[in-house]
Amino acid sequence: MPPEFLNPVNLAGLIAIVGAFVYAVGDVLMLAGKVDMADYPNLQAHLKLLSGVERMAGVSKRRLMWGGLLGVFAPLLVMAGYWQVYRGLSLAGANLATPPIILFVSASVVGAFTYATRQTNTLS
């Protein structure tokens, strides 16, 4: 018999925490690097538009691949936490609980899409 604290609500929360951690690891893999802009003269003209993304130019393709994949699949784990939010908000009624969840899921899908497009653009 599982411990009492491992009920479905707590388990969903733990899964969401793991998902947030995986998301953070994906960010670190993709963006935690230092690049000398002198090595990339083609980016100089667009420096104001890059806002830190130019750091990916100095990151290995393997790190970019894993960072992108983790960023795409981590939202699936984070979405387990949305169920907790829905359960809490459902006390006010389904009509009030559903719109925030739809917004959260939409944001997760858009976030995963940006990871996938970053990965595709940098690996090609």
C-alpha atoms as a PDB file:
ATOM      1  CA  MET A   1       0.000   0.000   0.000  1.00  0.00           C
ATOM      2  CA  PRO A   2       1.464   3.390  -0.987  1.00  0.00           C
ATOM      3  CA  PRO A   3       2.114   5.961   1.713  1.00  0.00           C
ATOM      4  CA  GLU A   4      -0.753   8.251   2.632  1.00  0.00           C
ATOM      5  CA  PHE A   5       0.925  11.386   1.254  1.00  0.00           C
ATOM      6  CA  LEU A   6       1.147   9.850  -2.248  1.00  0.00           C
ATOM      7  CA  ASN A   7      -2.453  10.513  -3.145  1.00  0.00           C
ATOM      8  CA  PRO A   8      -3.223  11.535  -6.747  1.00  0.00           C
ATOM      9  CA  VAL A   9      -3.187  15.272  -6.008  1.00  0.00           C
ATOM     10  CA  ASN A  10       0.231  15.182  -4.323  1.00  0.00           C
ATOM     11  CA  LEU A  11       1.598  12.886  -7.010  1.00  0.00           C
ATOM     12  CA  ALA A  12       0.471  15.338  -9.693  1.00  0.00           C
ATOM     13  CA  GLY A  13       2.276  18.094  -7.809  1.00  0.00           C
ATOM     14  CA  LEU A  14       5.476  16.073  -7.621  1.00  0.00           C
ATOM     15  CA  ILE A  15       5.288  15.329 -11.336  1.00  0.00           C
ATOM     16  CA  ALA A  16       4.797  19.052 -12.050  1.00  0.00           C
ATOM     17  CA  ILE A  17       7.825  19.926  -9.892  1.00  0.00           C
ATOM     18  CA  VAL A  18       9.944  17.422 -11.817  1.00  0.00           C
ATOM     19  CA  GLY A  19       8.652  18.951 -15.052  1.00  0.00           C
ATOM     20  CA  ALA A  20       9.634  22.455 -13.921  1.00  0.00           C
ATOM     21  CA  PHE A  21      13.103  21.177 -13.025  1.00  0.00           C
ATOM     22  CA  VAL A  22      13.460  19.484 -16.427  1.00  0.00           C
ATOM     23  CA  TYR A  23      12.345  22.732 -18.082  1.00  0.00           C
ATOM     24  CA  ALA A  24      15.059  24.623 -16.194  1.00  0.00           C
ATOM     25  CA  VAL A  25      17.696  22.077 -17.206  1.00  0.00           C
ATOM     26  CA  GLY A  26      16.639  22.535 -20.841  1.00  0.00           C
ATOM     27  CA  ASP A  27      17.095  26.298 -20.496  1.00  0.00           C
ATOM     28  CA  VAL A  28      20.528  25.879 -18.960  1.00  0.00           C
ATOM     29  CA  LEU A  29      21.638  23.496 -21.685  1.00  0.00           C
ATOM     30  CA  MET A  30      20.549  25.877 -24.417  1.00  0.00           C
ATOM     31  CA  LEU A  31      21.390  29.272 -22.973  1.00  0.00           C
ATOM     32  CA  ALA A  32      24.139  28.878 -20.359  1.00  0.00           C
ATOM     33  CA  GLY A  33      27.127  29.630 -22.433  1.00  0.00           C
ATOM     34  CA  LYS A  34      29.482  32.464 -23.090  1.00  0.00           C
ATOM     35  CA  VAL A  35      30.172  33.604 -26.604  1.00  0.00           C
ATOM     36  CA  ASP A  36      32.623  36.150 -27.961  1.00  0.00           C
ATOM     37  CA  MET A  37      30.661  38.227 -30.431  1.00  0.00           C
ATOM     38  CA  ALA A  38      33.881  38.993 -32.329  1.00  0.00           C
ATOM     39  CA  ASP A  39      33.797  35.365 -33.507  1.00  0.00           C
ATOM     40  CA  TYR A  40      30.389  35.945 -35.133  1.00  0.00           C
ATOM     41  CA  PRO A  41      30.590  39.153 -37.201  1.00  0.00           C
ATOM     42  CA  ASN A  42      27.317  38.386 -39.000  1.00  0.00           C
ATOM     43  CA  LEU A  43      25.423  38.750 -35.716  1.00  0.00           C
ATOM     44  CA  GLN A  44      26.846  42.217 -34.937  1.00  0.00           C
ATOM     45  CA  ALA A  45      24.201  44.008 -37.013  1.00  0.00           C
ATOM     46  CA  HIS A  46      21.380  42.241 -35.168  1.00  0.00           C
ATOM     47  CA  LEU A  47      22.755  42.452 -31.621  1.00  0.00           C
ATOM     48  CA  LYS A  48      19.898  44.577 -30.270  1.00  0.00           C
ATOM     49  CA  LEU A  49      17.327  42.073 -31.519  1.00  0.00           C
ATOM     50  CA  LEU A  50      19.014  38.981 -30.091  1.00  0.00           C
ATOM     51  CA  SER A  51      18.493  39.726 -26.351  1.00  0.00           C
ATOM     52  CA  GLY A  52      20.773  36.977 -25.100  1.00  0.00           C
ATOM     53  CA  VAL A  53      19.875  34.302 -27.617  1.00  0.00           C
ATOM     54  CA  GLU A  54      23.225  34.833 -29.328  1.00  0.00           C
ATOM     55  CA  ARG A  55      24.734  32.693 -26.567  1.00  0.00           C
ATOM     56  CA  MET A  56      23.419  29.649 -28.391  1.00  0.00           C
ATOM     57  CA  ALA A  57      25.962  30.303 -31.157  1.00  0.00           C
ATOM     58  CA  GLY A  58      28.728  29.001 -28.904  1.00  0.00           C
ATOM     59  CA  VAL A  59      26.862  25.973 -27.555  1.00  0.00           C
ATOM     60  CA  SER A  60      27.510  22.510 -28.975  1.00  0.00           C
ATOM     61  CA  LYS A  61      24.883  20.886 -31.155  1.00  0.00           C
ATOM     62  CA  ARG A  62      24.453  18.072 -28.627  1.00  0.00           C
ATOM     63  CA  ARG A  63      23.595  20.554 -25.857  1.00  0.00           C
ATOM     64  CA  LEU A  64      21.214  22.385 -28.172  1.00  0.00           C
ATOM     65  CA  MET A  65      19.522  19.127 -29.103  1.00  0.00           C
ATOM     66  CA  TRP A  66      19.020  17.996 -25.503  1.00  0.00           C
ATOM     67  CA  GLY A  67      18.022  21.451 -24.315  1.00  0.00           C
ATOM     68  CA  GLY A  68      15.457  21.701 -27.075  1.00  0.00           C
ATOM     69  CA  LEU A  69      14.058  18.232 -26.450  1.00  0.00           C
ATOM     70  CA  LEU A  70      13.760  18.792 -22.717  1.00  0.00           C
ATOM     71  CA  GLY A  71      12.015  22.090 -23.363  1.00  0.00           C
ATOM     72  CA  VAL A  72       9.539  20.405 -25.684  1.00  0.00           C
ATOM     73  CA  PHE A  73       8.670  17.469 -23.444  1.00  0.00           C
ATOM     74  CA  ALA A  74       8.831  19.104 -19.997  1.00  0.00           C
ATOM     75  CA  PRO A  75       5.455  20.878 -20.413  1.00  0.00           C
ATOM     76  CA  LEU A  76       3.774  17.481 -20.517  1.00  0.00           C
ATOM     77  CA  LEU A  77       4.965  16.940 -16.950  1.00  0.00           C
ATOM     78  CA  VAL A  78       4.152  20.494 -15.870  1.00  0.00           C
ATOM     79  CA  MET A  79       0.580  20.039 -17.084  1.00  0.00           C
ATOM     80  CA  ALA A  80       0.005  17.564 -14.265  1.00  0.00           C
ATOM     81  CA  GLY A  81       0.107  20.572 -11.958  1.00  0.00           C
ATOM     82  CA  TYR A  82      -2.672  22.237 -13.929  1.00  0.00           C
ATOM     83  CA  TRP A  83      -4.965  19.510 -12.704  1.00  0.00           C
ATOM     84  CA  GLN A  84      -4.198  20.627  -9.150  1.00  0.00           C
ATOM     85  CA  VAL A  85      -5.040  24.210 -10.077  1.00  0.00           C
ATOM     86  CA  TYR A  86      -8.255  23.069 -11.722  1.00  0.00           C
ATOM     87  CA  ARG A  87      -9.256  21.097  -8.635  1.00  0.00           C
ATOM     88  CA  GLY A  88      -8.668  24.122  -6.446  1.00  0.00           C
ATOM     89  CA  LEU A  89     -10.559  26.472  -8.740  1.00  0.00           C
ATOM     90  CA  SER A  90     -13.388  24.018  -9.369  1.00  0.00           C
ATOM     91  CA  LEU A  91     -14.741  24.832  -5.921  1.00  0.00           C
ATOM     92  CA  ALA A  92     -15.896  28.087  -7.529  1.00  0.00           C
ATOM     93  CA  GLY A  93     -17.517  26.174 -10.391  1.00  0.00           C
ATOM     94  CA  ALA A  94     -16.414  24.690 -13.688  1.00  0.00           C
ATOM     95  CA  ASN A  95     -17.236  27.885 -15.590  1.00  0.00           C
ATOM     96  CA  LEU A  96     -14.652  29.814 -13.572  1.00  0.00           C
ATOM     97  CA  ALA A  97     -12.098  27.013 -13.367  1.00  0.00           C
ATOM     98  CA  THR A  98     -11.869  26.138 -17.062  1.00  0.00           C
ATOM     99  CA  PRO A  99     -10.626  29.422 -18.654  1.00  0.00           C
ATOM    100  CA  PRO A 100      -7.392  29.649 -16.602  1.00  0.00           C
ATOM    101  CA  ILE A 101      -6.573  26.033 -17.410  1.00  0.00           C
ATOM    102  CA  ILE A 102      -7.124  26.656 -21.116  1.00  0.00           C
ATOM    103  CA  LEU A 103      -4.760  29.633 -20.904  1.00  0.00           C
ATOM    104  CA  PHE A 104      -2.134  27.587 -19.017  1.00  0.00           C
ATOM    105  CA  VAL A 105      -2.269  24.763 -21.548  1.00  0.00           C
ATOM    106  CA  SER A 106      -2.106  27.236 -24.448  1.00  0.00           C
ATOM    107  CA  ALA A 107       0.961  28.892 -22.911  1.00  0.00           C
ATOM    108  CA  SER A 108       2.624  25.496 -22.488  1.00  0.00           C
ATOM    109  CA  VAL A 109       1.986  24.596 -26.113  1.00  0.00           C
ATOM    110  CA  VAL A 110       3.360  27.931 -27.331  1.00  0.00           C
ATOM    111  CA  GLY A 111       6.385  27.552 -25.038  1.00  0.00           C
ATOM    112  CA  ALA A 112       7.137  24.096 -26.382  1.00  0.00           C
ATOM    113  CA  PHE A 113       6.754  25.424 -29.913  1.00  0.00           C
ATOM    114  CA  THR A 114       9.360  28.132 -29.288  1.00  0.00           C
ATOM    115  CA  TYR A 115      11.811  25.525 -27.989  1.00  0.00           C
ATOM    116  CA  ALA A 116      11.260  23.413 -31.068  1.00  0.00           C
ATOM    117  CA  THR A 117      11.759  26.359 -33.438  1.00  0.00           C
ATOM    118  CA  ARG A 118      14.895  27.497 -31.589  1.00  0.00           C
ATOM    119  CA  GLN A 119      16.319  24.013 -31.842  1.00  0.00           C
ATOM    120  CA  THR A 120      15.451  23.688 -35.536  1.00  0.00           C
ATOM    121  CA  ASN A 121      16.881  27.104 -36.430  1.00  0.00           C
ATOM    122  CA  THR A 122      20.134  26.609 -34.557  1.00  0.00           C
ATOM    123  CA  LEU A 123      20.845  23.056 -35.688  1.00  0.00           C
ATOM    124  CA  SER A 124      20.360  23.653 -39.387  1.00  0.00           C
END
